[in-house]
Amino acid sequence: MKQEEQWAKDYLEHMGFSDPIYEPQKNLPPDFLINDHIAVEVTRLNQFRPTSSGMEPLAKLSAPLIKNLEDLFDDLGRHPHGISWYVFPNFKRPQLTKYKNLIRVLGKRLSVVMQNADTEQEQHLISIDPHFELRLIRRQTSGPHAFILGGYSDLDSGGWVMEELMRSISICIEEKTKKIAEHRNKYPKWWLILIDYVYAGEPQSISLSHNWDKVIIIHPRNFALAYEVPLPQPFDAHPPPPLP
């Protein structure tokens, strides 16, 4: 089960659905089935960037990159004298020019930092190419590893403003609608849960066309912030007269 699916399961249980069935038909939609008749699909809201082949989520690069860095930090282990650094990667696209060898190169550069730790240098900057660098800040106390991820900056990401949020929701709805098209008649109701771990709050006004029974936006750390995406209200050509 992917992380976003686990968050969705936790949310459904929080809402009183005691036993959501995960992948009732393995590797086919939906992701969950509740009460034998509500199919639930799940995906994570991402910021996107245009490419020659369509819209690409920024997490396509950032998620595996961060996972590989954390694995590298685990492999490097603890410094023999308990010295630790917070690590802050900064990166941007296009694809990193040395991405295939990036982790191996970083392993060698970080090993040098560990070997020279007695110089008491508080900060380091490791630059790989114009699209990738690591900033290291020495901790005052020992940590579980010599290198600990302190955060990262994806320099292609922008602020999670209303326009970007609406665009992301629209793209996710469109992609998931296409995915379930041939399975739609299997269940009478279909819900779409979108995981938003950036905005964390209901916009003042949001309305998008869709054909799901429910589109629900949740934040994994606070289910109280969940909200539904309503359908646009039909235009009334003959509104009632104003009250006197």
Protein backbone atom coordinates (compact mmCIF):
# COMPACT_ATOMS: atom_id res chain seq x y z
CA MET A 1 0.00 0.00 0.00
CA LYS A 2 1.39 3.39 -1.01
CA GLN A 3 1.67 6.17 1.56
CA GLU A 4 -1.21 8.16 0.07
CA GLU A 5 -3.41 5.05 0.14
CA GLN A 6 -2.59 4.52 3.81
CA TRP A 7 -3.58 8.13 4.52
CA ALA A 8 -6.85 7.61 2.65
CA LYS A 9 -7.56 4.40 4.60
CA ASP A 10 -6.90 6.23 7.87
CA TYR A 11 -9.31 8.97 6.78
CA LEU A 12 -12.06 6.51 5.83
CA GLU A 13 -11.72 4.77 9.18
CA HIS A 14 -11.76 8.18 10.87
CA MET A 15 -15.10 8.82 9.11
CA GLY A 16 -16.55 5.59 10.53
CA PHE A 17 -15.95 3.09 7.72
CA SER A 18 -14.49 0.32 9.82
CA ASP A 19 -13.17 -2.03 7.16
CA PRO A 20 -12.29 -0.45 3.78
CA ILE A 21 -11.31 -3.28 1.42
CA TYR A 22 -8.00 -2.54 -0.27
CA GLU A 23 -7.84 -3.38 -3.99
CA PRO A 24 -10.95 -5.61 -4.19
CA GLN A 25 -9.70 -6.54 -7.67
CA LYS A 26 -5.91 -6.65 -7.46
CA ASN A 27 -4.12 -4.06 -9.61
CA LEU A 28 -7.43 -2.75 -10.97
CA PRO A 29 -9.57 0.20 -9.86
CA PRO A 30 -10.79 0.98 -7.29
CA ASP A 31 -8.14 1.41 -4.61
CA PHE A 32 -10.74 0.75 -1.88
CA LEU A 33 -14.28 -0.57 -1.62
CA ILE A 34 -16.51 0.43 1.28
CA ASN A 35 -19.92 -1.03 2.18
CA ASP A 36 -19.78 -3.19 -0.98
CA HIS A 37 -21.00 -0.34 -3.20
CA ILE A 38 -18.75 2.72 -2.84
CA ALA A 39 -15.57 2.57 -4.93
CA VAL A 40 -12.79 4.90 -3.80
CA GLU A 41 -9.83 6.01 -5.88
CA VAL A 42 -6.87 7.80 -4.29
CA THR A 43 -4.07 10.00 -5.55
CA ARG A 44 -1.77 12.68 -4.24
CA LEU A 45 -2.11 16.31 -5.28
CA ASN A 46 1.06 17.42 -6.97
CA GLN A 47 2.34 20.50 -8.60
CA PHE A 48 2.93 19.83 -12.28
CA ARG A 49 5.24 21.11 -14.98
CA PRO A 50 4.64 20.96 -18.73
CA THR A 51 6.83 18.60 -20.77
CA SER A 52 6.89 17.52 -24.40
CA SER A 53 4.83 14.45 -23.47
CA GLY A 54 2.29 16.24 -21.26
CA MET A 55 2.03 17.36 -17.64
CA GLU A 56 4.55 15.77 -15.27
CA PRO A 57 4.17 15.82 -11.45
CA LEU A 58 7.18 17.35 -9.70
CA ALA A 59 7.20 14.36 -7.33
CA LYS A 60 8.23 12.12 -10.23
CA LEU A 61 11.78 13.37 -9.67
CA SER A 62 11.70 14.55 -6.06
CA ALA A 63 10.18 11.45 -4.41
CA PRO A 64 12.74 8.87 -5.65
CA LEU A 65 15.57 11.37 -5.25
CA ILE A 66 14.80 11.99 -1.58
CA LYS A 67 14.33 8.25 -0.97
CA ASN A 68 17.75 7.52 -2.52
CA LEU A 69 19.37 10.21 -0.37
CA GLU A 70 17.84 8.81 2.81
CA ASP A 71 19.06 5.33 1.85
CA LEU A 72 22.54 6.77 1.28
CA PHE A 73 22.53 8.42 4.72
CA ASP A 74 21.53 5.07 6.25
CA ASP A 75 24.39 3.33 4.42
CA LEU A 76 26.95 5.92 5.56
CA GLY A 77 25.80 5.32 9.11
CA ARG A 78 27.02 6.98 12.27
CA HIS A 79 30.22 9.00 12.56
CA PRO A 80 32.74 7.27 14.88
CA HIS A 81 32.80 10.40 17.08
CA GLY A 82 29.05 11.00 16.97
CA ILE A 83 29.28 14.08 14.71
CA SER A 84 26.18 14.83 12.65
CA TRP A 85 25.04 17.29 9.98
CA TYR A 86 21.64 18.38 8.76
CA VAL A 87 21.48 18.04 4.99
CA PHE A 88 19.42 20.33 2.75
CA PRO A 89 19.35 19.37 -0.95
CA ASN A 90 18.40 22.01 -3.53
CA PHE A 91 17.54 20.85 -7.03
CA LYS A 92 15.76 21.86 -10.20
CA ARG A 93 15.00 20.51 -13.64
CA PRO A 94 15.68 19.69 -16.47
CA GLN A 95 16.83 16.24 -15.47
CA LEU A 96 20.02 16.32 -13.46
CA THR A 97 22.92 15.97 -15.89
CA LYS A 98 24.67 13.37 -13.70
CA TYR A 99 21.58 11.80 -12.14
CA LYS A 100 22.55 8.19 -12.93
CA ASN A 101 25.76 8.57 -10.91
CA LEU A 102 24.50 11.15 -8.44
CA ILE A 103 24.18 8.92 -5.35
CA ARG A 104 27.58 7.31 -5.94
CA VAL A 105 29.24 10.72 -6.35
CA LEU A 106 27.50 12.09 -3.26
CA GLY A 107 28.59 9.08 -1.24
CA LYS A 108 32.23 9.85 -2.02
CA ARG A 109 31.85 13.56 -1.27
CA LEU A 110 30.06 12.94 2.03
CA SER A 111 32.66 10.37 3.06
CA VAL A 112 35.32 13.09 2.66
CA VAL A 113 33.28 15.38 4.93
CA MET A 114 33.15 12.63 7.55
CA GLN A 115 36.91 12.05 7.33
CA ASN A 116 37.67 15.76 7.78
CA ALA A 117 35.12 16.39 10.52
CA ASP A 118 37.78 17.38 13.05
CA THR A 119 38.36 20.67 11.21
CA GLU A 120 35.25 21.92 13.06
CA GLN A 121 33.83 23.48 9.88
CA GLU A 122 30.21 24.32 10.66
CA GLN A 123 28.82 24.35 7.11
CA HIS A 124 29.58 22.73 3.78
CA LEU A 125 28.29 23.25 0.26
CA ILE A 126 28.50 20.30 -2.13
CA SER A 127 27.69 21.35 -5.68
CA ILE A 128 27.26 18.61 -8.28
CA ASP A 129 26.06 20.61 -11.29
CA PRO A 130 23.91 23.74 -11.95
CA HIS A 131 20.82 21.75 -11.00
CA PHE A 132 21.85 20.12 -7.73
CA GLU A 133 23.62 21.01 -4.50
CA LEU A 134 23.69 19.93 -0.87
CA ARG A 135 24.00 22.33 2.05
CA LEU A 136 25.29 20.79 5.27
CA ILE A 137 24.88 22.38 8.69
CA ARG A 138 26.63 20.77 11.62
CA ARG A 139 24.44 19.76 14.55
CA GLN A 140 25.30 20.80 18.07
CA THR A 141 24.46 17.32 19.33
CA SER A 142 24.93 13.82 17.99
CA GLY A 143 22.24 12.29 15.80
CA PRO A 144 21.35 8.73 14.79
CA HIS A 145 23.40 9.12 11.59
CA ALA A 146 26.23 11.30 10.41
CA PHE A 147 23.85 12.88 7.85
CA ILE A 148 20.20 13.66 8.54
CA LEU A 149 17.76 15.10 6.03
CA GLY A 150 16.73 18.50 7.31
CA GLY A 151 14.48 19.46 4.41
CA TYR A 152 14.78 20.13 0.71
CA SER A 153 14.01 22.77 -1.91
CA ASP A 154 12.52 21.82 -5.24
CA LEU A 155 13.31 25.03 -7.09
CA ASP A 156 10.71 24.29 -9.77
CA SER A 157 7.87 24.39 -7.26
CA GLY A 158 5.96 27.56 -6.66
CA GLY A 159 3.58 28.73 -3.98
CA TRP A 160 0.48 26.60 -3.48
CA VAL A 161 -1.76 29.48 -4.59
CA MET A 162 -5.37 29.09 -5.67
CA GLU A 163 -4.60 28.93 -9.39
CA GLU A 164 -2.02 26.18 -8.89
CA LEU A 165 -4.29 24.25 -6.52
CA MET A 166 -7.20 24.36 -8.96
CA ARG A 167 -4.98 23.25 -11.84
CA SER A 168 -3.63 20.31 -9.82
CA ILE A 169 -7.11 19.18 -8.77
CA SER A 170 -8.33 19.43 -12.38
CA ILE A 171 -5.43 17.35 -13.71
CA CYS A 172 -5.92 14.66 -11.04
CA ILE A 173 -9.68 14.47 -11.71
CA GLU A 174 -9.11 14.16 -15.45
CA GLU A 175 -6.45 11.44 -15.11
CA LYS A 176 -8.46 9.38 -12.61
CA THR A 177 -11.68 9.75 -14.65
CA LYS A 178 -9.92 8.22 -17.64
CA LYS A 179 -8.45 5.45 -15.50
CA ILE A 180 -11.79 4.22 -14.14
CA ALA A 181 -13.83 4.69 -17.34
CA GLU A 182 -14.00 0.99 -18.25
CA HIS A 183 -14.68 -0.03 -14.61
CA ARG A 184 -17.36 2.55 -13.88
CA ASN A 185 -20.32 0.19 -14.16
CA LYS A 186 -18.94 -2.23 -11.54
CA TYR A 187 -20.09 -0.11 -8.60
CA PRO A 188 -22.94 2.38 -8.19
CA LYS A 189 -20.89 5.10 -6.49
CA TRP A 190 -17.37 6.40 -7.03
CA TRP A 191 -15.41 8.70 -4.74
CA LEU A 192 -12.07 10.33 -5.42
CA ILE A 193 -9.82 11.20 -2.47
CA LEU A 194 -7.01 13.67 -3.19
CA ILE A 195 -4.19 13.98 -0.66
CA ASP A 196 -3.10 17.59 -0.19
CA TYR A 197 -0.14 17.83 2.17
CA VAL A 198 0.83 21.36 1.08
CA TYR A 199 -2.13 23.76 1.21
CA ALA A 200 -3.72 22.38 4.41
CA GLY A 201 -6.98 24.25 4.40
CA GLU A 202 -10.19 24.80 2.47
CA PRO A 203 -10.02 27.53 -0.19
CA GLN A 204 -12.58 30.29 0.05
CA SER A 205 -14.14 29.31 -3.26
CA ILE A 206 -13.63 26.20 -5.34
CA SER A 207 -15.92 24.61 -7.93
CA LEU A 208 -14.95 22.26 -10.76
CA SER A 209 -16.90 20.15 -13.24
CA HIS A 210 -16.60 16.41 -12.63
CA ASN A 211 -18.75 13.26 -12.70
CA TRP A 212 -17.70 11.67 -9.39
CA ASP A 213 -20.19 11.18 -6.58
CA LYS A 214 -17.66 12.82 -4.28
CA VAL A 215 -14.28 14.46 -4.70
CA ILE A 216 -12.73 14.87 -1.26
CA ILE A 217 -9.54 16.78 -0.42
CA ILE A 218 -7.82 15.67 2.77
CA HIS A 219 -4.70 16.72 4.64
CA PRO A 220 -2.90 13.70 6.16
CA ARG A 221 -2.04 15.44 9.43
CA ASN A 222 -5.44 16.96 10.13
CA PHE A 223 -8.56 15.21 8.86
CA ALA A 224 -10.66 18.07 10.24
CA LEU A 225 -9.44 20.14 7.28
CA ALA A 226 -11.06 17.79 4.74
CA TYR A 227 -13.53 19.29 2.28
CA GLU A 228 -15.45 18.30 -0.84
CA VAL A 229 -15.14 19.84 -4.30
CA PRO A 230 -18.68 20.91 -5.24
CA LEU A 231 -19.99 20.90 -8.77
CA PRO A 232 -20.62 24.30 -10.34
CA GLN A 233 -24.09 25.61 -9.65
CA PRO A 234 -26.30 25.71 -12.78
CA PHE A 235 -26.85 29.14 -14.22
CA ASP A 236 -30.37 30.41 -13.58
CA ALA A 237 -31.52 32.50 -16.53
CA HIS A 238 -34.49 33.76 -14.52
CA PRO A 239 -33.31 34.59 -11.00
CA PRO A 240 -35.96 35.48 -8.46
CA PRO A 241 -36.71 39.18 -8.03
CA PRO A 242 -34.92 40.91 -5.17
CA LEU A 243 -36.74 41.14 -1.86
CA PRO A 244 -38.46 44.45 -1.26
